């Protein structure tokens, strides 16, 4: 899967989890700041990612990934 394809799917997951305001996120905007999510919501999103992409991602691997671009990089290494 290409990076642009990953970003499209990630944005769709963010919209599903956090509502329509996530649709306007740029790839480099901080999800915590823009969407006001907390660590529990971040774990829920991680679970969504694992299910949607059929991968297992250790928590430590996504700790620094606070943007869609960062999540795409993590997923790109796992797929």
PDB file of N, CA and C in Angstrom:
ATOM      1  N   UNK A   1       0.856  -1.175   0.000  1.00  0.00           N
ATOM      2  CA  UNK A   1       0.000   0.000   0.000  1.00  0.00           C
ATOM      3  C   UNK A   1       0.902   1.238   0.000  1.00  0.00           C
ATOM      4  N   UNK A   2       0.572   2.202  -0.831  1.00  0.00           N
ATOM      5  CA  UNK A   2       1.389   3.408  -0.910  1.00  0.00           C
ATOM      6  C   UNK A   2       1.080   4.362   0.238  1.00  0.00           C
ATOM      7  N   UNK A   3       2.005   5.285   0.462  1.00  0.00           N
ATOM      8  CA  UNK A   3       1.796   6.269   1.536  1.00  0.00           C
ATOM      9  C   UNK A   3       0.524   7.088   1.323  1.00  0.00           C
ATOM     10  N   UNK A   4       0.265   7.598   0.091  1.00  0.00           N
ATOM     11  CA  UNK A   4      -0.994   8.337  -0.116  1.00  0.00           C
ATOM     12  C   UNK A   4      -2.236   7.488   0.180  1.00  0.00           C
ATOM     13  N   UNK A   5      -2.191   6.203  -0.161  1.00  0.00           N
ATOM     14  CA  UNK A   5      -3.323   5.329   0.149  1.00  0.00           C
ATOM     15  C   UNK A   5      -3.485   5.154   1.660  1.00  0.00           C
ATOM     16  N   UNK A   6      -2.363   5.006   2.356  1.00  0.00           N
ATOM     17  CA  UNK A   6      -2.413   4.910   3.814  1.00  0.00           C
ATOM     18  C   UNK A   6      -3.033   6.162   4.421  1.00  0.00           C
ATOM     19  N   UNK A   7      -2.631   7.323   3.930  1.00  0.00           N
ATOM     20  CA  UNK A   7      -3.145   8.586   4.471  1.00  0.00           C
ATOM     21  C   UNK A   7      -4.654   8.717   4.255  1.00  0.00           C
ATOM     22  N   UNK A   8      -5.137   8.281   3.108  1.00  0.00           N
ATOM     23  CA  UNK A   8      -6.581   8.325   2.834  1.00  0.00           C
ATOM     24  C   UNK A   8      -7.332   7.429   3.818  1.00  0.00           C
ATOM     25  N   UNK A   9      -6.822   6.222   4.022  1.00  0.00           N
ATOM     26  CA  UNK A   9      -7.482   5.300   4.954  1.00  0.00           C
ATOM     27  C   UNK A   9      -7.384   5.793   6.396  1.00  0.00           C
ATOM     28  N   UNK A  10      -6.244   6.367   6.755  1.00  0.00           N
ATOM     29  CA  UNK A  10      -6.083   6.904   8.107  1.00  0.00           C
ATOM     30  C   UNK A  10      -7.045   8.052   8.370  1.00  0.00           C
ATOM     31  N   UNK A  11      -7.190   8.929   7.395  1.00  0.00           N
ATOM     32  CA  UNK A  11      -8.116  10.047   7.550  1.00  0.00           C
ATOM     33  C   UNK A  11      -9.542   9.532   7.714  1.00  0.00           C
ATOM     34  N   UNK A  12      -9.910   8.517   6.930  1.00  0.00           N
ATOM     35  CA  UNK A  12     -11.254   7.935   7.036  1.00  0.00           C
ATOM     36  C   UNK A  12     -11.466   7.328   8.425  1.00  0.00           C
ATOM     37  N   UNK A  13     -10.450   6.651   8.962  1.00  0.00           N
ATOM     38  CA  UNK A  13     -10.559   6.097  10.316  1.00  0.00           C
ATOM     39  C   UNK A  13     -10.704   7.210  11.355  1.00  0.00           C
ATOM     40  N   UNK A  14      -9.956   8.285  11.174  1.00  0.00           N
ATOM     41  CA  UNK A  14     -10.036   9.415  12.107  1.00  0.00           C
ATOM     42  C   UNK A  14     -11.435  10.037  12.067  1.00  0.00           C
ATOM     43  N   UNK A  15     -11.997  10.171  10.884  1.00  0.00           N
ATOM     44  CA  UNK A  15     -13.349  10.728  10.753  1.00  0.00           C
ATOM     45  C   UNK A  15     -14.355   9.796  11.429  1.00  0.00           C
ATOM     46  N   UNK A  16     -14.193   8.502  11.213  1.00  0.00           N
ATOM     47  CA  UNK A  16     -15.102   7.536  11.841  1.00  0.00           C
ATOM     48  C   UNK A  16     -15.017   7.615  13.370  1.00  0.00           C
ATOM     49  N   UNK A  17     -13.811   7.742  13.896  1.00  0.00           N
ATOM     50  CA  UNK A  17     -13.599   7.732  15.349  1.00  0.00           C
ATOM     51  C   UNK A  17     -13.918   9.090  15.974  1.00  0.00           C
ATOM     52  N   UNK A  18     -13.523  10.220  15.319  1.00  0.00           N
ATOM     53  CA  UNK A  18     -13.592  11.542  15.948  1.00  0.00           C
ATOM     54  C   UNK A  18     -14.562  12.512  15.288  1.00  0.00           C
ATOM     55  N   UNK A  19     -15.230  12.087  14.228  1.00  0.00           N
ATOM     56  CA  UNK A  19     -16.229  12.930  13.603  1.00  0.00           C
ATOM     57  C   UNK A  19     -15.703  13.739  12.430  1.00  0.00           C
ATOM     58  N   UNK A  20     -16.595  14.501  11.796  1.00  0.00           N
ATOM     59  CA  UNK A  20     -16.273  15.194  10.553  1.00  0.00           C
ATOM     60  C   UNK A  20     -15.145  16.220  10.656  1.00  0.00           C
ATOM     61  N   UNK A  21     -14.889  16.729  11.842  1.00  0.00           N
ATOM     62  CA  UNK A  21     -13.811  17.728  11.956  1.00  0.00           C
ATOM     63  C   UNK A  21     -12.453  17.124  11.610  1.00  0.00           C
ATOM     64  N   UNK A  22     -12.324  15.807  11.686  1.00  0.00           N
ATOM     65  CA  UNK A  22     -11.065  15.141  11.334  1.00  0.00           C
ATOM     66  C   UNK A  22     -10.844  15.105   9.827  1.00  0.00           C
ATOM     67  N   UNK A  23     -11.895  15.321   9.048  1.00  0.00           N
ATOM     68  CA  UNK A  23     -11.769  15.274   7.586  1.00  0.00           C
ATOM     69  C   UNK A  23     -10.855  16.375   7.061  1.00  0.00           C
ATOM     70  N   UNK A  24     -10.805  17.500   7.756  1.00  0.00           N
ATOM     71  CA  UNK A  24      -9.996  18.624   7.294  1.00  0.00           C
ATOM     72  C   UNK A  24      -8.571  18.631   7.803  1.00  0.00           C
ATOM     73  N   UNK A  25      -8.163  17.584   8.513  1.00  0.00           N
ATOM     74  CA  UNK A  25      -6.799  17.530   9.039  1.00  0.00           C
ATOM     75  C   UNK A  25      -5.774  17.490   7.919  1.00  0.00           C
ATOM     76  N   UNK A  26      -4.708  18.244   8.083  1.00  0.00           N
ATOM     77  CA  UNK A  26      -3.590  18.066   7.160  1.00  0.00           C
ATOM     78  C   UNK A  26      -2.767  16.899   7.683  1.00  0.00           C
ATOM     79  N   UNK A  27      -1.901  16.386   6.852  1.00  0.00           N
ATOM     80  CA  UNK A  27      -1.107  15.211   7.226  1.00  0.00           C
ATOM     81  C   UNK A  27      -0.190  15.489   8.410  1.00  0.00           C
ATOM     82  N   UNK A  28       0.179  16.744   8.624  1.00  0.00           N
ATOM     83  CA  UNK A  28       1.155  17.091   9.656  1.00  0.00           C
ATOM     84  C   UNK A  28       0.564  17.789  10.881  1.00  0.00           C
ATOM     85  N   UNK A  29      -0.750  17.880  10.959  1.00  0.00           N
ATOM     86  CA  UNK A  29      -1.359  18.489  12.137  1.00  0.00           C
ATOM     87  C   UNK A  29      -1.389  17.489  13.283  1.00  0.00           C
ATOM     88  N   UNK A  30      -1.134  17.981  14.483  1.00  0.00           N
ATOM     89  CA  UNK A  30      -1.113  17.142  15.672  1.00  0.00           C
ATOM     90  C   UNK A  30      -2.540  16.727  16.040  1.00  0.00           C
ATOM     91  N   UNK A  31      -2.782  15.420  16.069  1.00  0.00           N
ATOM     92  CA  UNK A  31      -4.118  14.903  16.368  1.00  0.00           C
ATOM     93  C   UNK A  31      -4.583  15.282  17.765  1.00  0.00           C
ATOM     94  N   UNK A  32      -3.649  15.300  18.724  1.00  0.00           N
ATOM     95  CA  UNK A  32      -4.013  15.633  20.099  1.00  0.00           C
ATOM     96  C   UNK A  32      -4.462  17.086  20.213  1.00  0.00           C
ATOM     97  N   UNK A  33      -3.727  17.984  19.545  1.00  0.00           N
ATOM     98  CA  UNK A  33      -4.066  19.414  19.608  1.00  0.00           C
ATOM     99  C   UNK A  33      -5.343  19.736  18.847  1.00  0.00           C
ATOM    100  N   UNK A  34      -5.423  19.275  17.618  1.00  0.00           N
ATOM    101  CA  UNK A  34      -6.538  19.656  16.741  1.00  0.00           C
ATOM    102  C   UNK A  34      -7.849  18.992  17.166  1.00  0.00           C
ATOM    103  N   UNK A  35      -7.778  17.709  17.491  1.00  0.00           N
ATOM    104  CA  UNK A  35      -9.004  16.977  17.819  1.00  0.00           C
ATOM    105  C   UNK A  35      -9.282  16.909  19.308  1.00  0.00           C
ATOM    106  N   UNK A  36      -8.307  17.326  20.112  1.00  0.00           N
ATOM    107  CA  UNK A  36      -8.495  17.316  21.560  1.00  0.00           C
ATOM    108  C   UNK A  36      -8.599  15.912  22.138  1.00  0.00           C
ATOM    109  N   UNK A  37      -7.923  14.960  21.509  1.00  0.00           N
ATOM    110  CA  UNK A  37      -8.002  13.596  22.021  1.00  0.00           C
ATOM    111  C   UNK A  37      -7.050  13.398  23.192  1.00  0.00           C
ATOM    112  N   UNK A  38      -7.354  12.411  24.006  1.00  0.00           N
ATOM    113  CA  UNK A  38      -6.505  12.074  25.147  1.00  0.00           C
ATOM    114  C   UNK A  38      -5.868  10.704  24.901  1.00  0.00           C
ATOM    115  N   UNK A  39      -5.127  10.218  25.877  1.00  0.00           N
ATOM    116  CA  UNK A  39      -4.408   8.960  25.696  1.00  0.00           C
ATOM    117  C   UNK A  39      -5.362   7.772  25.515  1.00  0.00           C
ATOM    118  N   UNK A  40      -6.518   7.803  26.157  1.00  0.00           N
ATOM    119  CA  UNK A  40      -7.490   6.725  25.990  1.00  0.00           C
ATOM    120  C   UNK A  40      -8.030   6.697  24.554  1.00  0.00           C
ATOM    121  N   UNK A  41      -8.351   7.863  24.024  1.00  0.00           N
ATOM    122  CA  UNK A  41      -8.822   7.941  22.634  1.00  0.00           C
ATOM    123  C   UNK A  41      -7.724   7.504  21.671  1.00  0.00           C
ATOM    124  N   UNK A  42      -6.473   7.811  22.004  1.00  0.00           N
ATOM    125  CA  UNK A  42      -5.341   7.390  21.169  1.00  0.00           C
ATOM    126  C   UNK A  42      -5.238   5.865  21.157  1.00  0.00           C
ATOM    127  N   UNK A  43      -5.462   5.223  22.286  1.00  0.00           N
ATOM    128  CA  UNK A  43      -5.439   3.759  22.338  1.00  0.00           C
ATOM    129  C   UNK A  43      -6.589   3.154  21.530  1.00  0.00           C
ATOM    130  N   UNK A  44      -7.741   3.805  21.585  1.00  0.00           N
ATOM    131  CA  UNK A  44      -8.872   3.351  20.762  1.00  0.00           C
ATOM    132  C   UNK A  44      -8.525   3.453  19.284  1.00  0.00           C
ATOM    133  N   UNK A  45      -7.876   4.545  18.899  1.00  0.00           N
ATOM    134  CA  UNK A  45      -7.469   4.717  17.510  1.00  0.00           C
ATOM    135  C   UNK A  45      -6.447   3.649  17.125  1.00  0.00           C
ATOM    136  N   UNK A  46      -5.525   3.327  18.017  1.00  0.00           N
ATOM    137  CA  UNK A  46      -4.543   2.278  17.754  1.00  0.00           C
ATOM    138  C   UNK A  46      -5.246   0.944  17.504  1.00  0.00           C
ATOM    139  N   UNK A  47      -6.255   0.642  18.297  1.00  0.00           N
ATOM    140  CA  UNK A  47      -7.024  -0.586  18.094  1.00  0.00           C
ATOM    141  C   UNK A  47      -7.708  -0.565  16.732  1.00  0.00           C
ATOM    142  N   UNK A  48      -8.281   0.580  16.357  1.00  0.00           N
ATOM    143  CA  UNK A  48      -8.908   0.720  15.038  1.00  0.00           C
ATOM    144  C   UNK A  48      -7.896   0.446  13.929  1.00  0.00           C
ATOM    145  N   UNK A  49      -6.683   0.985  14.084  1.00  0.00           N
ATOM    146  CA  UNK A  49      -5.633   0.794  13.075  1.00  0.00           C
ATOM    147  C   UNK A  49      -5.274  -0.682  12.942  1.00  0.00           C
ATOM    148  N   UNK A  50      -5.098  -1.331  14.077  1.00  0.00           N
ATOM    149  CA  UNK A  50      -4.715  -2.740  14.058  1.00  0.00           C
ATOM    150  C   UNK A  50      -5.778  -3.595  13.371  1.00  0.00           C
ATOM    151  N   UNK A  51      -7.041  -3.311  13.638  1.00  0.00           N
ATOM    152  CA  UNK A  51      -8.129  -4.066  13.023  1.00  0.00           C
ATOM    153  C   UNK A  51      -8.229  -3.745  11.530  1.00  0.00           C
ATOM    154  N   UNK A  52      -8.212  -2.478  11.185  1.00  0.00           N
ATOM    155  CA  UNK A  52      -8.386  -2.055   9.795  1.00  0.00           C
ATOM    156  C   UNK A  52      -7.261  -2.537   8.882  1.00  0.00           C
ATOM    157  N   UNK A  53      -6.048  -2.592   9.422  1.00  0.00           N
ATOM    158  CA  UNK A  53      -4.896  -2.961   8.601  1.00  0.00           C
ATOM    159  C   UNK A  53      -4.385  -4.369   8.895  1.00  0.00           C
ATOM    160  N   UNK A  54      -5.064  -5.095   9.776  1.00  0.00           N
ATOM    161  CA  UNK A  54      -4.679  -6.468  10.137  1.00  0.00           C
ATOM    162  C   UNK A  54      -3.209  -6.574  10.531  1.00  0.00           C
ATOM    163  N   UNK A  55      -2.800  -5.678  11.434  1.00  0.00           N
ATOM    164  CA  UNK A  55      -1.426  -5.682  11.942  1.00  0.00           C
ATOM    165  C   UNK A  55      -1.461  -5.527  13.455  1.00  0.00           C
ATOM    166  N   UNK A  56      -0.362  -5.887  14.078  1.00  0.00           N
ATOM    167  CA  UNK A  56      -0.202  -5.630  15.505  1.00  0.00           C
ATOM    168  C   UNK A  56       0.886  -4.575  15.652  1.00  0.00           C
ATOM    169  N   UNK A  57       0.547  -3.502  16.351  1.00  0.00           N
ATOM    170  CA  UNK A  57       1.490  -2.396  16.537  1.00  0.00           C
ATOM    171  C   UNK A  57       1.726  -2.217  18.029  1.00  0.00           C
ATOM    172  N   UNK A  58       2.967  -2.408  18.491  1.00  0.00           N
ATOM    173  CA  UNK A  58       3.242  -2.195  19.909  1.00  0.00           C
ATOM    174  C   UNK A  58       3.008  -0.730  20.292  1.00  0.00           C
ATOM    175  N   UNK A  59       2.506  -0.507  21.496  1.00  0.00           N
ATOM    176  CA  UNK A  59       2.219   0.851  21.959  1.00  0.00           C
ATOM    177  C   UNK A  59       3.432   1.768  21.833  1.00  0.00           C
ATOM    178  N   UNK A  60       4.616   1.247  22.173  1.00  0.00           N
ATOM    179  CA  UNK A  60       5.832   2.073  22.154  1.00  0.00           C
ATOM    180  C   UNK A  60       6.156   2.578  20.753  1.00  0.00           C
ATOM    181  N   UNK A  61       5.707   1.843  19.730  1.00  0.00           N
ATOM    182  CA  UNK A  61       6.043   2.233  18.364  1.00  0.00           C
ATOM    183  C   UNK A  61       5.246   3.453  17.887  1.00  0.00           C
ATOM    184  N   UNK A  62       4.102   3.694  18.473  1.00  0.00           N
ATOM    185  CA  UNK A  62       3.277   4.827  18.048  1.00  0.00           C
ATOM    186  C   UNK A  62       3.343   6.006  19.015  1.00  0.00           C
ATOM    187  N   UNK A  63       4.146   5.907  20.065  1.00  0.00           N
ATOM    188  CA  UNK A  63       4.203   6.979  21.061  1.00  0.00           C
ATOM    189  C   UNK A  63       4.551   8.331  20.455  1.00  0.00           C
ATOM    190  N   UNK A  64       5.452   8.393  19.526  1.00  0.00           N
ATOM    191  CA  UNK A  64       5.836   9.675  18.947  1.00  0.00           C
ATOM    192  C   UNK A  64       5.023  10.060  17.721  1.00  0.00           C
ATOM    193  N   UNK A  65       4.126   9.189  17.292  1.00  0.00           N
ATOM    194  CA  UNK A  65       3.337   9.443  16.085  1.00  0.00           C
ATOM    195  C   UNK A  65       2.066  10.184  16.462  1.00  0.00           C
ATOM    196  N   UNK A  66       2.083  11.487  16.329  1.00  0.00           N
ATOM    197  CA  UNK A  66       0.923  12.295  16.715  1.00  0.00           C
ATOM    198  C   UNK A  66       0.216  12.923  15.516  1.00  0.00           C
ATOM    199  N   UNK A  67       0.664  12.567  14.315  1.00  0.00           N
ATOM    200  CA  UNK A  67       0.066  13.105  13.095  1.00  0.00           C
ATOM    201  C   UNK A  67      -0.342  11.949  12.187  1.00  0.00           C
ATOM    202  N   UNK A  68      -1.161  12.242  11.192  1.00  0.00           N
ATOM    203  CA  UNK A  68      -1.505  11.218  10.213  1.00  0.00           C
ATOM    204  C   UNK A  68      -0.259  10.737   9.478  1.00  0.00           C
ATOM    205  N   UNK A  69       0.637  11.663   9.158  1.00  0.00           N
ATOM    206  CA  UNK A  69       1.877  11.301   8.472  1.00  0.00           C
ATOM    207  C   UNK A  69       2.719  10.361   9.333  1.00  0.00           C
ATOM    208  N   UNK A  70       2.796  10.641  10.617  1.00  0.00           N
ATOM    209  CA  UNK A  70       3.545   9.784  11.522  1.00  0.00           C
ATOM    210  C   UNK A  70       2.941   8.395  11.629  1.00  0.00           C
ATOM    211  N   UNK A  71       1.623   8.334  11.683  1.00  0.00           N
ATOM    212  CA  UNK A  71       0.951   7.035  11.726  1.00  0.00           C
ATOM    213  C   UNK A  71       1.154   6.270  10.425  1.00  0.00           C
ATOM    214  N   UNK A  72       1.142   6.990   9.303  1.00  0.00           N
ATOM    215  CA  UNK A  72       1.390   6.350   8.005  1.00  0.00           C
ATOM    216  C   UNK A  72       2.792   5.755   7.964  1.00  0.00           C
ATOM    217  N   UNK A  73       3.766   6.444   8.539  1.00  0.00           N
ATOM    218  CA  UNK A  73       5.131   5.917   8.587  1.00  0.00           C
ATOM    219  C   UNK A  73       5.192   4.634   9.404  1.00  0.00           C
ATOM    220  N   UNK A  74       4.533   4.628  10.560  1.00  0.00           N
ATOM    221  CA  UNK A  74       4.504   3.435  11.417  1.00  0.00           C
ATOM    222  C   UNK A  74       3.853   2.279  10.665  1.00  0.00           C
ATOM    223  N   UNK A  75       2.707   2.541  10.066  1.00  0.00           N
ATOM    224  CA  UNK A  75       2.014   1.475   9.318  1.00  0.00           C
ATOM    225  C   UNK A  75       2.831   1.006   8.131  1.00  0.00           C
ATOM    226  N   UNK A  76       3.491   1.921   7.460  1.00  0.00           N
ATOM    227  CA  UNK A  76       4.314   1.550   6.306  1.00  0.00           C
ATOM    228  C   UNK A  76       5.407   0.562   6.693  1.00  0.00           C
ATOM    229  N   UNK A  77       5.939   0.675   7.897  1.00  0.00           N
ATOM    230  CA  UNK A  77       6.962  -0.261   8.367  1.00  0.00           C
ATOM    231  C   UNK A  77       6.361  -1.623   8.720  1.00  0.00           C
ATOM    232  N   UNK A  78       5.089  -1.646   9.066  1.00  0.00           N
ATOM    233  CA  UNK A  78       4.434  -2.879   9.504  1.00  0.00           C
ATOM    234  C   UNK A  78       3.776  -3.659   8.360  1.00  0.00           C
ATOM    235  N   UNK A  79       3.443  -2.977   7.287  1.00  0.00           N
ATOM    236  CA  UNK A  79       2.730  -3.653   6.184  1.00  0.00           C
ATOM    237  C   UNK A  79       3.681  -4.221   5.168  1.00  0.00           C
TER     238      UNK A  79
END
